Amino acid sequence: MQILDTDHIEMFVGDARQAAHQLCETYGFHVYGHGGPETGLTGQRSVLLGQRDIRILLTSGLSGEHRASRYVARHGDGVAVIAFGCADVETAYAEAVAAGATPIQPPQRFEQGGSTVVTAEVSGFGDVTHRLVQRTAGDGAFLPGAVDMTGAPAAPTDADLLHTIDHAAICLQAGELDATVQYYERVFGFTMIFQEYIEVGEQGMQSKVVQSPSGGVTFTLIQPDLSRRAGQIDDFLSWHEGAGVQHIAYSTHDIVHAVRAYSAKGVEFAQTPASYYDVLESRLGAVDVPVDQLRPLGILVDRDHWGQMYQIFAKSTHIRRTYFLELIDRHGARTFGTSNIPALYAAKERELAAVRDTTDGLRS
């Protein structure tokens, strides 16, 4: 099975147009197309967004029975489909189903004006599915005959600060981690490339990273340690009502510039204690980005055998405080280091602790 990359993600949302407006205004995404009953997408409205190599399809159901409406009613707005670019969808679909994936949608072909796209869909984790996508056209078409492109994607400019989907972080119920890793190894040919036990105060969580052979798709899988104090992963599973995508990480090539630009547009990022930077260079050695630029922005830095990486979480704007975005800037690094993950989740825990305190104050 040749899985090439993350072709796109599809988010099921209550209001696709409003969600699109927010992503365009804050993160500089562009509207590339629309879909609905008049284009062949029965019972839904969709808006296609893009920026460089990233594609996000935002979908709202037009009735309570549509799968997007059911998803939003249970989970709130969130990532419902992670699409894999494939060399041969029919073969990939047959192999996935034979290996134990549940078939959702058999292969179907979209054609229009010389553009051809083949898709199929199989089960993933929780209520998240995987769309297999084979593209034989080079004109930027998304789903010919289903999503009307408002125009070919414009050439990237300096204002387009996000480049690719680096990875997805997925929260699982306790006891599901090993089975989920085995599922992706067996069904999609992924390999586990990293594992870590993360401690944040009195909390504990287990994390394993699986990746496609091409390196184009990476999932960080996380489950809580129920023997420790309940924390943010438990909160996510409760508020989201089950397993799901906690965050999508987008790559950028200048994280300092990106954080400054997005902050100016109203994006809030998780904060990092000043003490983190006091010992940064004694722990890691010299870093590519000056510490005095990282400190005021709260950007974290780590390294692996191949290089350095810089990461930061945006604060969640989700009504349930579940889904959020991460920015990552890789300076040669291929993995996630050994200390950034605990530091990232500690920053997120501080944010959610403040939300819990506010909520408790309102209840009292």
Protein backbone atom coordinates (compact mmCIF):
# COMPACT_ATOMS: atom_id res chain seq x y z
CA MET A 1 0.00 0.00 0.00
CA GLN A 2 1.62 3.24 -1.12
CA ILE A 3 0.42 6.03 1.18
CA LEU A 4 2.11 9.18 -0.03
CA ASP A 5 1.03 11.99 2.28
CA THR A 6 -1.85 13.68 4.10
CA ASP A 7 -3.94 14.75 1.12
CA HIS A 8 -6.34 16.79 3.26
CA ILE A 9 -8.32 16.81 6.45
CA GLU A 10 -12.09 17.24 6.64
CA MET A 11 -13.56 18.95 9.66
CA PHE A 12 -17.23 18.54 10.53
CA VAL A 13 -18.43 21.86 11.92
CA GLY A 14 -21.67 23.56 12.88
CA ASP A 15 -21.16 26.43 10.44
CA ALA A 16 -18.69 25.84 7.60
CA ARG A 17 -18.74 29.45 6.42
CA GLN A 18 -18.03 30.87 9.88
CA ALA A 19 -15.25 28.34 10.50
CA ALA A 20 -13.74 29.21 7.12
CA HIS A 21 -13.87 32.93 7.92
CA GLN A 22 -12.03 32.39 11.21
CA LEU A 23 -9.24 30.32 9.64
CA CYS A 24 -8.83 32.80 6.80
CA GLU A 25 -8.74 35.83 9.08
CA THR A 26 -6.39 34.40 11.71
CA TYR A 27 -4.13 31.95 9.88
CA GLY A 28 -4.23 33.29 6.33
CA PHE A 29 -6.00 30.39 4.63
CA HIS A 30 -7.61 30.96 1.24
CA VAL A 31 -11.02 29.80 0.01
CA TYR A 32 -10.40 27.47 -2.93
CA GLY A 33 -13.86 26.04 -3.53
CA HIS A 34 -17.40 25.26 -2.41
CA GLY A 35 -19.58 22.18 -2.45
CA GLY A 36 -23.23 21.41 -1.80
CA PRO A 37 -26.30 19.75 -3.26
CA GLU A 38 -25.87 21.67 -6.50
CA THR A 39 -22.35 20.21 -6.97
CA GLY A 40 -23.17 16.64 -5.98
CA LEU A 41 -22.51 16.75 -2.21
CA THR A 42 -25.92 15.66 -1.00
CA GLY A 43 -27.22 17.06 2.27
CA GLN A 44 -24.22 19.21 3.12
CA ARG A 45 -22.40 22.47 2.55
CA SER A 46 -18.61 22.44 2.30
CA VAL A 47 -15.90 25.06 1.98
CA LEU A 48 -12.44 24.09 0.75
CA LEU A 49 -9.53 26.03 2.23
CA GLY A 50 -5.89 25.90 1.29
CA GLN A 51 -2.46 27.33 1.98
CA ARG A 52 0.63 26.03 0.20
CA ASP A 53 0.38 22.20 0.47
CA ILE A 54 -2.40 22.19 3.08
CA ARG A 55 -6.04 21.48 2.23
CA ILE A 56 -8.89 21.66 4.75
CA LEU A 57 -12.46 20.75 3.81
CA LEU A 58 -15.02 22.23 6.22
CA THR A 59 -18.40 20.49 6.11
CA SER A 60 -21.75 21.20 7.76
CA GLY A 61 -24.75 18.91 7.52
CA LEU A 62 -28.03 20.35 6.23
CA SER A 63 -30.14 17.95 8.27
CA GLY A 64 -29.89 16.25 11.62
CA GLU A 65 -29.40 12.88 9.95
CA HIS A 66 -26.28 13.84 8.00
CA ARG A 67 -23.10 12.28 9.40
CA ALA A 68 -21.55 15.73 9.90
CA SER A 69 -24.54 16.82 11.98
CA ARG A 70 -24.37 13.66 14.10
CA TYR A 71 -20.64 14.11 14.60
CA VAL A 72 -20.98 17.74 15.71
CA ALA A 73 -23.87 16.88 18.04
CA ARG A 74 -21.70 14.34 19.84
CA HIS A 75 -18.18 15.79 19.62
CA GLY A 76 -18.52 19.42 18.64
CA ASP A 77 -16.51 20.82 15.71
CA GLY A 78 -13.53 18.61 14.94
CA VAL A 79 -11.44 16.59 12.52
CA ALA A 80 -13.63 13.77 11.20
CA VAL A 81 -11.66 12.60 8.15
CA ILE A 82 -7.91 12.35 7.61
CA ALA A 83 -7.29 11.69 3.92
CA PHE A 84 -4.29 9.73 2.67
CA GLY A 85 -2.85 10.39 -0.77
CA CYS A 86 -2.43 6.99 -2.48
CA ALA A 87 -0.83 5.71 -5.67
CA ASP A 88 -3.72 3.27 -6.31
CA VAL A 89 -6.95 3.69 -4.35
CA GLU A 90 -8.63 0.50 -5.49
CA THR A 91 -5.67 -1.63 -4.40
CA ALA A 92 -5.22 0.30 -1.15
CA TYR A 93 -8.92 -0.03 -0.31
CA ALA A 94 -8.94 -3.77 -0.99
CA GLU A 95 -5.80 -4.33 1.07
CA ALA A 96 -7.06 -2.22 3.98
CA VAL A 97 -10.40 -4.05 4.15
CA ALA A 98 -8.67 -7.44 3.85
CA ALA A 99 -6.41 -6.44 6.77
CA GLY A 100 -9.36 -5.61 9.01
CA ALA A 101 -10.46 -2.05 8.21
CA THR A 102 -14.20 -1.46 8.13
CA PRO A 103 -15.35 -0.34 4.66
CA ILE A 104 -17.13 3.03 4.73
CA GLN A 105 -17.26 4.05 1.06
CA PRO A 106 -16.08 1.90 -1.87
CA PRO A 107 -13.95 3.49 -4.58
CA GLN A 108 -15.70 6.19 -6.58
CA ARG A 109 -14.44 8.31 -9.43
CA PHE A 110 -14.84 12.06 -9.93
CA GLU A 111 -14.26 13.36 -13.43
CA GLN A 112 -14.64 16.75 -15.05
CA GLY A 113 -12.81 18.52 -17.85
CA GLY A 114 -9.98 16.02 -17.97
CA SER A 115 -9.50 15.96 -14.20
CA THR A 116 -9.90 12.60 -12.44
CA VAL A 117 -9.85 11.89 -8.70
CA VAL A 118 -10.57 8.48 -7.18
CA THR A 119 -11.57 8.18 -3.52
CA ALA A 120 -12.61 5.52 -1.03
CA GLU A 121 -13.10 5.53 2.74
CA VAL A 122 -12.30 3.12 5.57
CA SER A 123 -12.36 3.15 9.36
CA GLY A 124 -9.72 4.81 11.50
CA PHE A 125 -10.10 5.44 15.25
CA GLY A 126 -13.17 6.50 17.21
CA ASP A 127 -15.52 8.30 14.81
CA VAL A 128 -12.62 9.43 12.59
CA THR A 129 -12.29 7.75 9.18
CA HIS A 130 -9.65 7.71 6.46
CA ARG A 131 -10.32 8.79 2.89
CA LEU A 132 -7.99 7.28 0.31
CA VAL A 133 -7.33 9.71 -2.54
CA GLN A 134 -5.71 9.12 -5.94
CA ARG A 135 -5.12 12.15 -8.13
CA THR A 136 -4.31 11.84 -11.80
CA ALA A 137 -4.79 15.49 -12.73
CA GLY A 138 -2.22 18.19 -12.23
CA ASP A 139 -4.47 21.23 -12.43
CA GLY A 140 -5.25 21.63 -8.73
CA ALA A 141 -8.72 20.04 -8.89
CA PHE A 142 -10.01 18.77 -5.54
CA LEU A 143 -13.14 16.71 -6.24
CA PRO A 144 -14.16 17.48 -9.84
CA GLY A 145 -17.93 17.65 -10.15
CA ALA A 146 -18.43 17.75 -6.36
CA VAL A 147 -16.44 20.76 -5.16
CA ASP A 148 -16.47 23.75 -7.52
CA MET A 149 -13.10 25.46 -7.46
CA THR A 150 -13.41 29.24 -7.30
CA GLY A 151 -10.08 29.41 -9.09
CA ALA A 152 -6.75 27.67 -9.25
CA PRO A 153 -4.71 28.01 -6.05
CA ALA A 154 -2.65 31.15 -6.25
CA ALA A 155 1.12 30.99 -6.11
CA PRO A 156 2.28 31.17 -2.45
CA THR A 157 3.34 34.54 -1.13
CA ASP A 158 5.38 35.58 1.89
CA ALA A 159 2.10 35.91 3.81
CA ASP A 160 1.46 32.15 3.49
CA LEU A 161 3.33 31.03 6.60
CA LEU A 162 2.05 27.43 6.87
CA HIS A 163 3.46 24.77 4.55
CA THR A 164 2.29 21.22 5.34
CA ILE A 165 0.42 19.10 7.87
CA ASP A 166 3.30 17.84 10.02
CA HIS A 167 1.35 15.42 12.24
CA ALA A 168 -1.92 14.79 14.03
CA ALA A 169 -2.14 14.17 17.78
CA ILE A 170 -4.83 11.70 18.77
CA CYS A 171 -6.27 11.07 22.23
CA LEU A 172 -7.37 7.49 22.94
CA GLN A 173 -9.21 5.86 25.80
CA ALA A 174 -7.00 4.07 28.34
CA GLY A 175 -6.18 0.59 27.09
CA GLU A 176 -6.60 1.44 23.39
CA LEU A 177 -3.05 2.55 22.59
CA ASP A 178 -1.38 -0.75 21.72
CA ALA A 179 -4.36 -2.01 19.72
CA THR A 180 -4.45 1.25 17.74
CA VAL A 181 -0.72 1.06 16.97
CA GLN A 182 -1.18 -2.52 15.78
CA TYR A 183 -4.14 -1.48 13.64
CA TYR A 184 -2.10 1.13 11.73
CA GLU A 185 0.81 -1.27 11.36
CA ARG A 186 -1.40 -4.08 10.04
CA VAL A 187 -3.88 -2.13 7.91
CA PHE A 188 -1.79 0.74 6.54
CA GLY A 189 1.79 -0.48 6.90
CA PHE A 190 2.78 2.24 9.38
CA THR A 191 5.79 1.84 11.68
CA MET A 192 6.11 2.92 15.30
CA ILE A 193 9.02 5.39 15.32
CA PHE A 194 8.90 6.86 18.83
CA GLN A 195 7.43 6.19 22.25
CA GLU A 196 7.51 8.02 25.54
CA TYR A 197 5.90 8.10 28.97
CA ILE A 198 4.99 11.71 29.72
CA GLU A 199 4.67 13.14 33.22
CA VAL A 200 3.07 16.51 33.85
CA GLY A 201 2.91 17.11 37.60
CA GLU A 202 0.84 14.28 39.06
CA GLN A 203 -0.51 13.27 35.64
CA GLY A 204 0.84 10.54 33.42
CA MET A 205 0.22 9.58 29.80
CA GLN A 206 1.67 7.11 27.34
CA SER A 207 2.53 8.22 23.81
CA LYS A 208 3.52 6.27 20.71
CA VAL A 209 4.16 7.75 17.26
CA VAL A 210 3.32 5.85 14.07
CA GLN A 211 4.35 6.93 10.59
CA SER A 212 3.75 5.84 7.01
CA PRO A 213 6.75 4.37 5.13
CA SER A 214 6.87 7.53 2.98
CA GLY A 215 7.11 9.71 6.10
CA GLY A 216 4.21 11.75 4.73
CA VAL A 217 1.70 10.80 7.46
CA THR A 218 2.53 10.89 11.18
CA PHE A 219 0.20 10.24 14.12
CA THR A 220 1.05 10.87 17.77
CA LEU A 221 -1.19 8.51 19.75
CA ILE A 222 -1.79 9.27 23.44
CA GLN A 223 -3.67 7.52 26.23
CA PRO A 224 -4.00 8.58 29.89
CA ASP A 225 -2.48 6.65 32.78
CA LEU A 226 -5.48 6.00 35.01
CA SER A 227 -3.24 5.25 38.00
CA ARG A 228 -2.25 8.92 38.09
CA ARG A 229 -4.28 12.08 38.66
CA ALA A 230 -6.79 12.89 35.91
CA GLY A 231 -5.70 15.70 33.61
CA GLN A 232 -6.01 17.21 30.15
CA ILE A 233 -6.20 13.92 28.21
CA ASP A 234 -9.02 12.78 30.51
CA ASP A 235 -10.67 16.17 30.01
CA PHE A 236 -10.45 15.80 26.23
CA LEU A 237 -11.95 12.29 26.27
CA SER A 238 -14.77 13.47 28.51
CA TRP A 239 -15.57 16.72 26.70
CA HIS A 240 -15.13 15.18 23.25
CA GLU A 241 -17.06 12.05 24.27
CA GLY A 242 -14.44 9.58 23.12
CA ALA A 243 -11.27 9.26 21.08
CA GLY A 244 -10.46 11.99 18.58
CA VAL A 245 -7.95 14.42 17.11
CA GLN A 246 -6.68 16.69 19.85
CA HIS A 247 -4.61 18.86 17.53
CA ILE A 248 -3.17 19.21 14.06
CA ALA A 249 0.42 20.44 13.77
CA TYR A 250 1.26 22.66 10.81
CA SER A 251 4.83 23.20 9.68
CA THR A 252 6.23 26.68 9.25
CA HIS A 253 9.69 27.77 8.14
CA ASP A 254 10.01 30.76 10.49
CA ILE A 255 8.15 30.11 13.71
CA VAL A 256 9.15 33.41 15.34
CA HIS A 257 7.69 35.38 12.45
CA ALA A 258 4.61 33.14 12.34
CA VAL A 259 3.84 33.50 16.06
CA ARG A 260 4.27 37.25 15.89
CA ALA A 261 2.07 37.53 12.80
CA TYR A 262 -0.71 35.33 14.17
CA SER A 263 -0.58 36.99 17.58
CA ALA A 264 -1.16 40.32 15.85
CA LYS A 265 -4.32 38.80 14.34
CA GLY A 266 -5.63 37.72 17.73
CA VAL A 267 -4.33 34.17 18.07
CA GLU A 268 -3.36 33.34 21.65
CA PHE A 269 -0.59 30.84 22.36
CA ALA A 270 0.21 28.73 25.41
CA GLN A 271 2.66 30.38 27.78
CA THR A 272 5.98 28.95 28.95
CA PRO A 273 7.64 29.82 32.29
CA ALA A 274 10.75 32.03 32.06
CA SER A 275 12.73 29.36 33.94
CA TYR A 276 12.50 27.11 30.86
CA TYR A 277 14.75 29.52 28.95
CA ASP A 278 17.18 30.08 31.82
CA VAL A 279 18.61 26.58 31.36
CA LEU A 280 17.82 26.07 27.68
CA GLU A 281 21.31 26.40 26.21
CA SER A 282 22.97 24.56 29.08
CA ARG A 283 20.60 21.67 28.33
CA LEU A 284 20.70 21.71 24.53
CA GLY A 285 23.80 23.69 23.62
CA ALA A 286 23.65 26.50 21.07
CA VAL A 287 20.29 26.91 19.33
CA ASP A 288 19.62 28.29 15.86
CA VAL A 289 17.08 30.88 17.00
CA PRO A 290 18.24 33.37 19.66
CA VAL A 291 16.76 32.65 23.09
CA ASP A 292 15.77 36.30 23.49
CA GLN A 293 13.41 35.83 20.52
CA LEU A 294 11.96 32.57 21.85
CA ARG A 295 11.40 33.69 25.45
CA PRO A 296 8.78 36.45 24.97
CA LEU A 297 6.78 34.29 22.56
CA GLY A 298 6.81 31.06 24.60
CA ILE A 299 8.32 28.96 21.79
CA LEU A 300 9.86 25.65 22.86
CA VAL A 301 12.98 24.12 21.32
CA ASP A 302 14.44 20.61 21.35
CA ARG A 303 16.76 18.47 19.25
CA ASP A 304 17.20 14.91 18.05
CA HIS A 305 20.00 13.15 16.15
CA TRP A 306 19.20 15.06 12.95
CA GLY A 307 18.69 18.61 14.13
CA GLN A 308 16.51 21.03 16.09
CA MET A 309 12.76 21.66 16.24
CA TYR A 310 10.68 24.57 17.52
CA GLN A 311 7.07 24.13 18.68
CA ILE A 312 4.16 25.97 20.27
CA PHE A 313 0.47 25.31 20.95
CA ALA A 314 -2.25 27.81 20.11
CA LYS A 315 -4.91 28.13 22.79
CA SER A 316 -8.10 26.33 21.89
CA THR A 317 -11.00 28.41 20.58
CA HIS A 318 -13.29 25.37 20.65
CA ILE A 319 -16.36 25.76 22.86
CA ARG A 320 -15.47 22.46 24.57
CA ARG A 321 -11.76 23.34 24.85
CA THR A 322 -10.81 20.21 22.90
CA TYR A 323 -9.36 20.79 19.42
CA PHE A 324 -6.48 23.24 18.84
CA LEU A 325 -3.53 23.91 16.49
CA GLU A 326 0.21 23.50 16.87
CA LEU A 327 2.99 25.22 14.94
CA ILE A 328 6.25 23.33 14.35
CA ASP A 329 9.44 24.50 12.67
CA ARG A 330 11.92 21.71 11.92
CA HIS A 331 15.58 22.56 11.49
CA GLY A 332 16.50 19.06 10.33
CA ALA A 333 14.81 17.24 13.22
CA ARG A 334 12.75 14.21 12.21
CA THR A 335 11.21 13.12 15.52
CA PHE A 336 9.92 14.95 18.58
CA GLY A 337 12.96 15.04 20.87
CA THR A 338 12.73 13.93 24.47
CA SER A 339 11.63 17.00 26.42
CA ASN A 340 9.41 19.09 24.17
CA ILE A 341 6.39 16.81 24.53
CA PRO A 342 6.23 17.09 28.35
CA ALA A 343 6.87 20.84 28.09
CA LEU A 344 4.16 21.28 25.45
CA TYR A 345 1.61 19.38 27.50
CA ALA A 346 2.61 21.23 30.66
CA ALA A 347 1.85 24.48 28.82
CA LYS A 348 -1.52 23.12 27.71
CA GLU A 349 -2.26 21.95 31.27
CA ARG A 350 -1.68 25.47 32.60
CA GLU A 351 -4.12 26.83 30.03
CA LEU A 352 -6.81 24.28 30.86
CA ALA A 353 -6.27 24.71 34.61
CA ALA A 354 -7.12 28.39 34.19
CA VAL A 355 -10.28 27.41 32.29
CA ARG A 356 -11.29 24.98 35.06
CA ASP A 357 -10.77 27.68 37.71
CA THR A 358 -12.93 30.13 35.74
CA THR A 359 -15.64 27.52 35.26
CA ASP A 360 -15.63 26.60 38.94
CA GLY A 361 -15.91 30.28 39.85
CA LEU A 362 -18.95 30.72 37.61
CA ARG A 363 -20.62 27.65 39.12
CA SER A 364 -20.08 28.91 42.65
